[in-house]
């Protein structure tokens, strides 16, 4: 059987948001893929250390994380990059000028720095633990992995995102983060010395759009955003309806 290199987004693709867990059928599909000799990896916007911790129960320790800016193979961090500093800093200065609260993640851990005491009160679910530093100077922060902006749905229309990419995962917070997972996938495939056309990617959200490329096979979940389905080679059922298992069977990677 031809070996394929499968890269899975996590939230909404492997993990069901309604169950807050990876469905049994998805676990079974991952096991069957490995048994059949296929390569299994994660492709996520999550921070590398966060992704490693979250994915431990799935047995996945090879991944493209940080939205394409880090590569980990067999649990070993091969490379990690921050976002471009100049546009990131310029963006934060615009936020300051317009009175927005913000926080910045600058280490491979679920923490963030802010100089705004309002930040914690504006975010209900503090997944990244904020530390208030009134003397924080964005022009001295290096690296910058993510920037967080408390912002309700619809309010983002008032923000100038020139020079940065962003995603929304909740009704109250915007993440400024890398969104080109294809960049990390290419780097991974080069390290593995494997054919790029043997890649298969699975995703559901807007931050997966850049990894749905014509060079390889792209699978959109049934619960995916319309823009992703339009780019997909295959649209499977939803994550809650055995979407990963059904896609792997349809593609001939495993037997039903």
Protein backbone atom coordinates (compact mmCIF):
# COMPACT_ATOMS: atom_id res chain seq x y z
CA UNK A 1 0.00 0.00 0.00
CA UNK A 2 1.23 3.49 -0.87
CA UNK A 3 2.31 5.28 2.30
CA UNK A 4 0.40 8.48 2.92
CA UNK A 5 1.29 11.34 5.28
CA UNK A 6 -1.82 12.38 7.18
CA UNK A 7 -1.92 15.74 8.96
CA UNK A 8 -4.94 16.36 11.20
CA UNK A 9 -6.20 19.63 12.59
CA UNK A 10 -7.28 19.07 16.19
CA UNK A 11 -10.18 21.24 17.38
CA UNK A 12 -13.28 20.45 15.31
CA UNK A 13 -11.46 17.83 13.25
CA UNK A 14 -10.04 15.18 15.58
CA UNK A 15 -11.68 16.62 18.69
CA UNK A 16 -15.44 16.98 18.91
CA UNK A 17 -16.32 20.30 20.50
CA UNK A 18 -19.68 18.98 21.71
CA UNK A 19 -18.08 15.94 23.36
CA UNK A 20 -14.89 17.79 24.34
CA UNK A 21 -13.06 14.62 23.33
CA UNK A 22 -11.74 12.66 20.37
CA UNK A 23 -14.52 10.26 19.24
CA UNK A 24 -13.90 6.54 19.57
CA UNK A 25 -14.12 6.11 15.79
CA UNK A 26 -11.37 8.72 15.26
CA UNK A 27 -9.10 6.93 17.76
CA UNK A 28 -9.77 3.69 15.88
CA UNK A 29 -8.96 5.31 12.54
CA UNK A 30 -5.63 6.63 13.85
CA UNK A 31 -4.71 3.16 15.12
CA UNK A 32 -5.62 1.55 11.78
CA UNK A 33 -3.65 4.16 9.85
CA UNK A 34 -0.53 3.35 11.87
CA UNK A 35 -1.11 -0.40 11.49
CA UNK A 36 -1.24 0.09 7.71
CA UNK A 37 2.06 1.96 7.73
CA UNK A 38 0.75 5.48 7.21
CA UNK A 39 2.30 8.55 8.82
CA UNK A 40 0.09 10.31 11.39
CA UNK A 41 0.74 13.88 12.55
CA UNK A 42 -1.06 16.92 13.88
CA UNK A 43 -1.40 20.26 12.09
CA UNK A 44 -2.63 22.79 14.61
CA UNK A 45 -2.65 26.44 15.50
CA UNK A 46 -2.04 25.51 19.13
CA UNK A 47 1.25 26.27 20.81
CA UNK A 48 3.68 23.36 20.53
CA UNK A 49 3.85 22.57 24.26
CA UNK A 50 0.07 22.81 24.55
CA UNK A 51 -0.47 20.52 21.56
CA UNK A 52 1.94 17.88 22.91
CA UNK A 53 0.10 17.80 26.23
CA UNK A 54 -3.37 17.70 24.71
CA UNK A 55 -2.54 15.03 22.14
CA UNK A 56 -0.80 12.64 24.52
CA UNK A 57 -3.92 10.40 24.83
CA UNK A 58 -4.02 10.05 21.02
CA UNK A 59 -0.44 8.84 20.88
CA UNK A 60 0.51 11.64 18.49
CA UNK A 61 3.89 13.23 19.24
CA UNK A 62 4.78 14.37 15.71
CA UNK A 63 3.23 17.64 14.65
CA UNK A 64 3.20 20.92 12.84
CA UNK A 65 2.05 23.38 15.51
CA UNK A 66 1.97 27.15 16.07
CA UNK A 67 -0.04 27.53 12.86
CA UNK A 68 2.86 26.19 10.79
CA UNK A 69 5.69 27.87 12.71
CA UNK A 70 6.96 24.83 14.62
CA UNK A 71 7.89 21.27 13.74
CA UNK A 72 8.09 18.40 16.24
CA UNK A 73 9.12 14.85 15.36
CA UNK A 74 8.77 11.96 17.85
CA UNK A 75 8.25 14.42 20.68
CA UNK A 76 11.42 16.40 19.90
CA UNK A 77 11.01 20.08 18.99
CA UNK A 78 12.96 20.53 15.74
CA UNK A 79 12.23 24.21 15.15
CA UNK A 80 9.96 27.00 16.36
CA UNK A 81 9.62 30.56 15.10
CA UNK A 82 7.74 33.58 16.32
CA UNK A 83 5.63 35.88 14.19
CA UNK A 84 7.39 38.65 12.22
CA UNK A 85 8.26 41.27 14.82
CA UNK A 86 7.79 44.53 12.93
CA UNK A 87 4.18 43.99 11.78
CA UNK A 88 3.29 42.42 15.15
CA UNK A 89 4.62 45.40 17.08
CA UNK A 90 3.02 47.86 14.68
CA UNK A 91 -0.32 46.11 15.18
CA UNK A 92 -0.03 46.37 18.98
CA UNK A 93 0.77 50.08 18.72
CA UNK A 94 -2.45 50.52 16.70
CA UNK A 95 -4.36 48.69 19.43
CA UNK A 96 -2.87 51.06 22.02
CA UNK A 97 -3.82 54.10 19.94
CA UNK A 98 -7.42 52.84 19.69
CA UNK A 99 -7.76 51.81 23.35
CA UNK A 100 -7.97 48.02 22.94
CA UNK A 101 -6.73 45.72 25.69
CA UNK A 102 -4.24 43.06 24.57
CA UNK A 103 -1.87 40.36 25.81
CA UNK A 104 1.13 38.70 24.21
CA UNK A 105 2.44 35.14 24.39
CA UNK A 106 6.22 35.09 24.13
CA UNK A 107 7.24 31.67 25.43
CA UNK A 108 6.34 28.08 24.62
CA UNK A 109 3.92 27.87 27.54
CA UNK A 110 0.28 28.75 28.24
CA UNK A 111 1.04 32.18 29.72
CA UNK A 112 0.73 35.71 28.39
CA UNK A 113 1.89 39.17 29.39
CA UNK A 114 -0.26 42.29 29.50
CA UNK A 115 0.12 45.73 30.97
CA UNK A 116 -3.65 46.24 31.05
CA UNK A 117 -5.38 45.27 34.31
CA UNK A 118 -8.68 45.09 32.39
CA UNK A 119 -7.56 42.04 30.43
CA UNK A 120 -8.51 39.30 32.93
CA UNK A 121 -11.96 40.78 33.48
CA UNK A 122 -12.66 40.89 29.74
CA UNK A 123 -11.94 37.20 29.12
CA UNK A 124 -14.14 34.60 30.81
CA UNK A 125 -12.05 31.53 29.96
CA UNK A 126 -8.38 32.37 30.58
CA UNK A 127 -6.76 29.46 28.74
CA UNK A 128 -3.49 31.39 28.71
CA UNK A 129 -2.70 32.61 32.23
CA UNK A 130 -2.17 36.40 32.16
CA UNK A 131 0.61 38.16 34.05
CA UNK A 132 0.22 41.93 34.43
CA UNK A 133 3.38 43.96 33.89
CA UNK A 134 2.69 47.75 33.82
CA UNK A 135 6.16 48.32 32.34
CA UNK A 136 5.69 45.89 29.44
CA UNK A 137 7.17 47.34 26.24
CA UNK A 138 6.08 45.51 23.09
CA UNK A 139 9.14 46.84 21.25
CA UNK A 140 11.40 44.74 23.48
CA UNK A 141 9.35 41.52 23.36
CA UNK A 142 11.04 38.81 21.28
CA UNK A 143 9.79 36.31 20.20
CA UNK A 144 6.07 36.95 19.77
CA UNK A 145 4.12 33.73 19.27
CA UNK A 146 0.56 35.00 19.71
CA UNK A 147 -1.30 38.22 20.53
CA UNK A 148 -4.71 38.12 22.21
CA UNK A 149 -7.36 40.84 21.84
CA UNK A 150 -10.58 40.74 23.89
CA UNK A 151 -13.21 41.51 21.27
CA UNK A 152 -16.84 40.41 20.93
CA UNK A 153 -18.11 39.02 17.63
CA UNK A 154 -18.66 41.84 15.14
CA UNK A 155 -16.39 44.28 16.96
CA UNK A 156 -13.39 43.03 14.98
CA UNK A 157 -14.66 45.11 12.05
CA UNK A 158 -13.25 48.13 13.86
CA UNK A 159 -9.73 46.67 14.05
CA UNK A 160 -7.07 47.18 11.38
CA UNK A 161 -5.42 43.76 10.91
CA UNK A 162 -2.96 44.93 8.27
CA UNK A 163 0.24 42.87 8.42
CA UNK A 164 -1.07 40.13 10.73
CA UNK A 165 -3.31 37.05 10.49
CA UNK A 166 -5.99 36.23 13.00
CA UNK A 167 -8.52 33.63 14.08
CA UNK A 168 -11.48 33.52 16.44
CA UNK A 169 -12.12 30.53 18.72
CA UNK A 170 -14.61 32.11 21.14
CA UNK A 171 -17.20 34.87 21.28
CA UNK A 172 -14.95 37.16 23.30
CA UNK A 173 -11.34 36.75 22.15
CA UNK A 174 -9.34 37.07 18.93
CA UNK A 175 -6.00 35.33 18.44
CA UNK A 176 -3.36 36.99 16.29
CA UNK A 177 -1.30 34.01 15.20
CA UNK A 178 0.28 32.27 12.19
CA UNK A 179 -2.26 30.49 9.99
CA UNK A 180 -0.12 28.92 7.24
CA UNK A 181 0.07 25.30 8.33
CA UNK A 182 1.23 24.34 4.82
CA UNK A 183 4.55 26.02 5.60
CA UNK A 184 5.24 23.61 8.44
CA UNK A 185 3.97 20.63 6.45
CA UNK A 186 6.42 21.39 3.64
CA UNK A 187 9.25 21.65 6.14
CA UNK A 188 8.23 18.37 7.77
CA UNK A 189 8.07 16.56 4.43
CA UNK A 190 11.50 17.87 3.47
CA UNK A 191 12.94 16.60 6.74
CA UNK A 192 11.33 13.21 6.11
CA UNK A 193 12.50 13.24 2.47
CA UNK A 194 8.98 12.23 1.45
CA UNK A 195 6.95 13.13 -1.67
CA UNK A 196 4.75 16.19 -1.16
CA UNK A 197 1.98 14.66 -3.28
CA UNK A 198 1.56 11.91 -0.65
CA UNK A 199 0.26 14.40 1.94
CA UNK A 200 -3.40 14.27 3.06
CA UNK A 201 -4.69 17.09 5.28
CA UNK A 202 -7.88 17.12 7.37
CA UNK A 203 -9.48 20.32 8.66
CA UNK A 204 -12.62 22.25 9.52
CA UNK A 205 -11.86 25.93 10.21
CA UNK A 206 -10.75 29.13 8.55
CA UNK A 207 -7.25 28.66 9.95
CA UNK A 208 -7.01 25.48 7.83
CA UNK A 209 -7.63 27.23 4.52
CA UNK A 210 -3.94 27.84 3.78
CA UNK A 211 -3.12 24.13 4.10
CA UNK A 212 -5.77 23.09 1.57
CA UNK A 213 -3.37 23.07 -1.37
CA UNK A 214 -3.63 21.61 -4.90
CA UNK A 215 -0.30 19.76 -4.46
CA UNK A 216 -1.86 17.22 -2.12
CA UNK A 217 -5.20 15.79 -0.97
CA UNK A 218 -7.46 17.88 1.25
CA UNK A 219 -10.36 16.58 3.36
CA UNK A 220 -12.97 18.90 4.92
CA UNK A 221 -15.10 17.73 7.80
CA UNK A 222 -18.89 17.85 7.45
CA UNK A 223 -18.85 20.57 10.14
CA UNK A 224 -16.27 22.63 8.23
CA UNK A 225 -16.77 26.25 7.19
CA UNK A 226 -18.10 26.66 3.62
CA UNK A 227 -14.85 28.20 2.32
CA UNK A 228 -12.94 25.07 3.30
CA UNK A 229 -15.45 22.70 1.72
CA UNK A 230 -15.11 24.62 -1.55
CA UNK A 231 -11.36 23.90 -1.59
CA UNK A 232 -11.60 20.25 -0.50
CA UNK A 233 -11.01 17.18 -2.64
CA UNK A 234 -13.31 15.28 -0.29
CA UNK A 235 -15.99 16.42 2.17
CA UNK A 236 -16.58 13.77 4.83
CA UNK A 237 -19.22 13.59 7.57
CA UNK A 238 -18.90 15.67 10.73
CA UNK A 239 -16.45 14.92 13.51
CA UNK A 240 -19.44 13.80 15.62
CA UNK A 241 -20.61 11.44 12.87
CA UNK A 242 -17.45 9.35 12.37
CA UNK A 243 -15.99 11.85 9.91
CA UNK A 244 -12.35 10.80 10.28
CA UNK A 245 -13.12 7.08 10.02
CA UNK A 246 -15.39 7.58 7.00
CA UNK A 247 -12.82 9.71 5.17
CA UNK A 248 -10.02 7.20 5.75
CA UNK A 249 -12.23 4.39 4.42
CA UNK A 250 -13.29 6.47 1.40
CA UNK A 251 -9.65 7.23 0.58
CA UNK A 252 -8.68 3.55 0.85
CA UNK A 253 -6.34 4.13 3.76
CA UNK A 254 -8.22 1.68 6.00
CA UNK A 255 -10.92 -0.94 5.49
CA UNK A 256 -14.45 -0.28 6.73
